[in-house]
Amino acid sequence: MVAALVFMNWILSLLSYHFISTEQLLSGKTETLYKNNKINWRLMRKHFITKDDLQRASRKVGLTELGKAKAIFIERNGEITVIPK
C-alpha cells in the first residue's frame, strides 16, 4: 500500500516536472484578484475572499487603500500578494 502511494507520488512529480499543464492541474496557478483599480469578483467568490481580506493584505505592506496597489494576486499556496504602485 505504501509502495503504491510512493510510486503514484513519483509519477505525478515526474509528470508535473515535464508538463506545465499537469503542474497547474495539481498545484494551481497564481491568479489576479485586483488590477487597474478593478476587483475580479468572480475569482474572489471562487476563492472565498472578501474585500476586507484584500484591504488587510494591502495594509500589511503599508498601503492605506486598495487604489494604491498596482495588483493583488492569490498565489498557488493561498497567500495574497500585493504589488504597490
N, C-alpha and C. Protein backbone atom coordinates (compact mmCIF):
# COMPACT_ATOMS: atom_id res chain seq x y z
N MET A 1 0.82 -1.19 0.00
CA MET A 1 0.00 0.00 0.00
C MET A 1 0.87 1.26 0.00
N VAL A 2 1.84 1.30 0.90
CA VAL A 2 2.72 2.46 0.98
C VAL A 2 3.54 2.58 -0.30
N ALA A 3 3.99 1.46 -0.82
CA ALA A 3 4.78 1.48 -2.06
C ALA A 3 3.96 2.04 -3.21
N ALA A 4 2.68 1.72 -3.25
CA ALA A 4 1.81 2.24 -4.32
C ALA A 4 1.67 3.75 -4.20
N LEU A 5 1.51 4.26 -2.99
CA LEU A 5 1.41 5.71 -2.79
C LEU A 5 2.71 6.42 -3.16
N VAL A 6 3.83 5.84 -2.79
CA VAL A 6 5.13 6.43 -3.14
C VAL A 6 5.31 6.43 -4.66
N PHE A 7 4.92 5.35 -5.30
CA PHE A 7 5.02 5.26 -6.77
C PHE A 7 4.13 6.30 -7.45
N MET A 8 2.89 6.45 -6.97
CA MET A 8 1.97 7.44 -7.54
C MET A 8 2.52 8.86 -7.35
N ASN A 9 3.09 9.12 -6.18
CA ASN A 9 3.68 10.43 -5.93
C ASN A 9 4.84 10.69 -6.89
N TRP A 10 5.65 9.69 -7.11
CA TRP A 10 6.79 9.80 -8.03
C TRP A 10 6.30 10.07 -9.45
N ILE A 11 5.29 9.35 -9.90
CA ILE A 11 4.74 9.54 -11.25
C ILE A 11 4.17 10.94 -11.41
N LEU A 12 3.38 11.40 -10.43
CA LEU A 12 2.79 12.74 -10.53
C LEU A 12 3.86 13.83 -10.50
N SER A 13 4.89 13.63 -9.70
CA SER A 13 6.00 14.60 -9.68
C SER A 13 6.72 14.64 -11.02
N LEU A 14 6.93 13.50 -11.59
CA LEU A 14 7.59 13.42 -12.90
C LEU A 14 6.74 14.10 -13.98
N LEU A 15 5.45 13.84 -13.99
CA LEU A 15 4.56 14.48 -14.96
C LEU A 15 4.50 16.00 -14.76
N SER A 16 4.47 16.43 -13.50
CA SER A 16 4.43 17.87 -13.21
C SER A 16 5.70 18.56 -13.67
N TYR A 17 6.82 17.87 -13.55
CA TYR A 17 8.09 18.45 -13.97
C TYR A 17 8.14 18.63 -15.49
N HIS A 18 7.63 17.68 -16.22
CA HIS A 18 7.74 17.70 -17.69
C HIS A 18 6.58 18.41 -18.39
N PHE A 19 5.43 18.49 -17.76
CA PHE A 19 4.26 19.09 -18.40
C PHE A 19 3.65 20.16 -17.50
N ILE A 20 3.69 21.40 -17.96
CA ILE A 20 3.20 22.52 -17.15
C ILE A 20 1.69 22.40 -16.89
N SER A 21 0.96 21.83 -17.83
CA SER A 21 -0.48 21.69 -17.62
C SER A 21 -0.78 20.74 -16.45
N THR A 22 0.02 19.71 -16.29
CA THR A 22 -0.16 18.79 -15.17
C THR A 22 0.17 19.50 -13.86
N GLU A 23 1.23 20.30 -13.87
CA GLU A 23 1.60 21.05 -12.66
C GLU A 23 0.49 22.00 -12.25
N GLN A 24 -0.09 22.72 -13.23
CA GLN A 24 -1.16 23.66 -12.92
C GLN A 24 -2.40 22.93 -12.42
N LEU A 25 -2.67 21.77 -12.96
CA LEU A 25 -3.82 20.98 -12.51
C LEU A 25 -3.64 20.53 -11.06
N LEU A 26 -2.44 20.09 -10.72
CA LEU A 26 -2.19 19.57 -9.38
C LEU A 26 -1.92 20.66 -8.35
N SER A 27 -1.23 21.72 -8.76
CA SER A 27 -0.80 22.74 -7.80
C SER A 27 -1.56 24.05 -7.90
N GLY A 28 -2.29 24.25 -8.96
CA GLY A 28 -2.99 25.51 -9.16
C GLY A 28 -2.07 26.52 -9.83
N LYS A 29 -2.56 27.75 -9.96
CA LYS A 29 -1.75 28.80 -10.58
C LYS A 29 -2.05 30.12 -9.88
N THR A 30 -1.14 31.06 -10.04
CA THR A 30 -1.33 32.39 -9.49
C THR A 30 -2.40 33.10 -10.30
N GLU A 31 -3.36 33.72 -9.60
CA GLU A 31 -4.44 34.42 -10.28
C GLU A 31 -4.54 35.86 -9.78
N THR A 32 -4.97 36.75 -10.67
CA THR A 32 -5.05 38.17 -10.37
C THR A 32 -6.42 38.51 -9.79
N LEU A 33 -6.42 38.99 -8.55
CA LEU A 33 -7.66 39.37 -7.88
C LEU A 33 -8.00 40.83 -8.10
N TYR A 34 -6.98 41.66 -8.31
CA TYR A 34 -7.17 43.12 -8.42
C TYR A 34 -6.10 43.67 -9.35
N LYS A 35 -6.53 44.48 -10.32
CA LYS A 35 -5.60 45.12 -11.25
C LYS A 35 -6.32 46.30 -11.90
N ASN A 36 -5.58 47.38 -12.14
CA ASN A 36 -6.14 48.60 -12.76
C ASN A 36 -7.37 49.11 -12.02
N ASN A 37 -7.30 49.11 -10.69
CA ASN A 37 -8.40 49.58 -9.83
C ASN A 37 -9.69 48.79 -10.00
N LYS A 38 -9.60 47.54 -10.44
CA LYS A 38 -10.79 46.70 -10.62
C LYS A 38 -10.60 45.38 -9.87
N ILE A 39 -11.63 45.02 -9.11
CA ILE A 39 -11.62 43.75 -8.38
C ILE A 39 -12.27 42.69 -9.26
N ASN A 40 -11.63 41.54 -9.34
CA ASN A 40 -12.18 40.41 -10.08
C ASN A 40 -13.09 39.62 -9.12
N TRP A 41 -14.36 40.00 -9.09
CA TRP A 41 -15.31 39.41 -8.14
C TRP A 41 -15.53 37.92 -8.38
N ARG A 42 -15.45 37.48 -9.63
CA ARG A 42 -15.63 36.05 -9.93
C ARG A 42 -14.56 35.21 -9.21
N LEU A 43 -13.30 35.66 -9.31
CA LEU A 43 -12.23 34.93 -8.63
C LEU A 43 -12.32 35.07 -7.10
N MET A 44 -12.79 36.22 -6.66
CA MET A 44 -12.95 36.43 -5.22
C MET A 44 -13.96 35.41 -4.66
N ARG A 45 -15.08 35.23 -5.37
CA ARG A 45 -16.08 34.25 -4.93
C ARG A 45 -15.52 32.83 -5.00
N LYS A 46 -14.78 32.55 -6.08
CA LYS A 46 -14.22 31.20 -6.27
C LYS A 46 -13.30 30.82 -5.11
N HIS A 47 -12.52 31.78 -4.62
CA HIS A 47 -11.55 31.52 -3.56
C HIS A 47 -12.04 31.93 -2.17
N PHE A 48 -13.33 32.33 -2.07
CA PHE A 48 -13.93 32.73 -0.79
C PHE A 48 -13.12 33.85 -0.13
N ILE A 49 -12.77 34.87 -0.91
CA ILE A 49 -12.01 36.02 -0.42
C ILE A 49 -12.93 37.23 -0.42
N THR A 50 -12.87 38.01 0.64
CA THR A 50 -13.69 39.22 0.75
C THR A 50 -12.84 40.45 0.45
N LYS A 51 -13.53 41.57 0.25
CA LYS A 51 -12.83 42.83 0.05
C LYS A 51 -12.00 43.18 1.29
N ASP A 52 -12.51 42.82 2.45
CA ASP A 52 -11.76 43.04 3.69
C ASP A 52 -10.43 42.28 3.69
N ASP A 53 -10.42 41.08 3.11
CA ASP A 53 -9.18 40.31 3.00
C ASP A 53 -8.16 41.05 2.14
N LEU A 54 -8.62 41.65 1.04
CA LEU A 54 -7.71 42.42 0.17
C LEU A 54 -7.19 43.64 0.91
N GLN A 55 -8.06 44.32 1.63
CA GLN A 55 -7.64 45.51 2.37
C GLN A 55 -6.66 45.14 3.48
N ARG A 56 -6.89 44.04 4.14
CA ARG A 56 -5.97 43.58 5.19
C ARG A 56 -4.59 43.28 4.60
N ALA A 57 -4.57 42.61 3.45
CA ALA A 57 -3.29 42.28 2.80
C ALA A 57 -2.57 43.55 2.35
N SER A 58 -3.31 44.53 1.87
CA SER A 58 -2.67 45.77 1.43
C SER A 58 -2.12 46.56 2.63
N ARG A 59 -2.81 46.50 3.75
CA ARG A 59 -2.30 47.18 4.96
C ARG A 59 -1.01 46.54 5.46
N LYS A 60 -0.88 45.23 5.27
CA LYS A 60 0.34 44.54 5.71
C LYS A 60 1.58 45.04 4.98
N VAL A 61 1.41 45.55 3.75
CA VAL A 61 2.55 46.09 3.01
C VAL A 61 2.61 47.61 3.09
N GLY A 62 1.80 48.19 3.97
CA GLY A 62 1.87 49.61 4.23
C GLY A 62 0.97 50.49 3.38
N LEU A 63 0.03 49.92 2.65
CA LEU A 63 -0.90 50.71 1.83
C LEU A 63 -2.17 50.99 2.63
N THR A 64 -2.65 52.21 2.55
CA THR A 64 -3.84 52.58 3.32
C THR A 64 -5.15 52.32 2.57
N GLU A 65 -5.06 52.13 1.26
CA GLU A 65 -6.27 51.86 0.47
C GLU A 65 -5.92 51.02 -0.76
N LEU A 66 -6.91 50.33 -1.29
CA LEU A 66 -6.69 49.46 -2.44
C LEU A 66 -6.21 50.22 -3.68
N GLY A 67 -6.65 51.45 -3.85
CA GLY A 67 -6.27 52.25 -5.01
C GLY A 67 -4.77 52.49 -5.12
N LYS A 68 -4.04 52.27 -4.04
CA LYS A 68 -2.59 52.45 -4.06
C LYS A 68 -1.85 51.18 -4.45
N ALA A 69 -2.60 50.12 -4.71
CA ALA A 69 -1.99 48.85 -5.14
C ALA A 69 -2.02 48.76 -6.66
N LYS A 70 -0.92 48.31 -7.23
CA LYS A 70 -0.87 48.09 -8.67
C LYS A 70 -1.63 46.81 -9.02
N ALA A 71 -1.41 45.77 -8.22
CA ALA A 71 -2.09 44.49 -8.45
C ALA A 71 -2.09 43.68 -7.16
N ILE A 72 -3.06 42.78 -7.05
CA ILE A 72 -3.13 41.86 -5.93
C ILE A 72 -3.39 40.47 -6.50
N PHE A 73 -2.59 39.50 -6.05
CA PHE A 73 -2.67 38.14 -6.56
C PHE A 73 -2.96 37.16 -5.44
N ILE A 74 -3.57 36.04 -5.80
CA ILE A 74 -3.63 34.91 -4.89
C ILE A 74 -2.65 33.88 -5.44
N GLU A 75 -1.70 33.49 -4.60
CA GLU A 75 -0.65 32.57 -5.01
C GLU A 75 -1.13 31.12 -4.96
N ARG A 76 -0.33 30.23 -5.48
CA ARG A 76 -0.69 28.81 -5.51
C ARG A 76 -0.88 28.24 -4.12
N ASN A 77 -0.18 28.80 -3.13
CA ASN A 77 -0.30 28.28 -1.77
C ASN A 77 -1.41 28.95 -0.97
N GLY A 78 -2.16 29.89 -1.61
CA GLY A 78 -3.27 30.55 -0.96
C GLY A 78 -2.94 31.90 -0.36
N GLU A 79 -1.67 32.30 -0.37
CA GLU A 79 -1.30 33.60 0.15
C GLU A 79 -1.74 34.70 -0.80
N ILE A 80 -2.04 35.87 -0.23
CA ILE A 80 -2.40 37.04 -1.04
C ILE A 80 -1.19 37.95 -1.13
N THR A 81 -0.76 38.27 -2.34
CA THR A 81 0.40 39.11 -2.58
C THR A 81 -0.06 40.45 -3.15
N VAL A 82 0.45 41.53 -2.57
CA VAL A 82 0.10 42.89 -3.01
C VAL A 82 1.33 43.53 -3.64
N ILE A 83 1.16 44.10 -4.84
CA ILE A 83 2.23 44.83 -5.53
C ILE A 83 1.86 46.31 -5.47
N PRO A 84 2.63 47.12 -4.71
CA PRO A 84 2.33 48.55 -4.63
C PRO A 84 2.64 49.25 -5.96
N LYS A 85 1.99 50.41 -6.18
CA LYS A 85 2.25 51.21 -7.38
C LYS A 85 3.60 51.86 -7.26
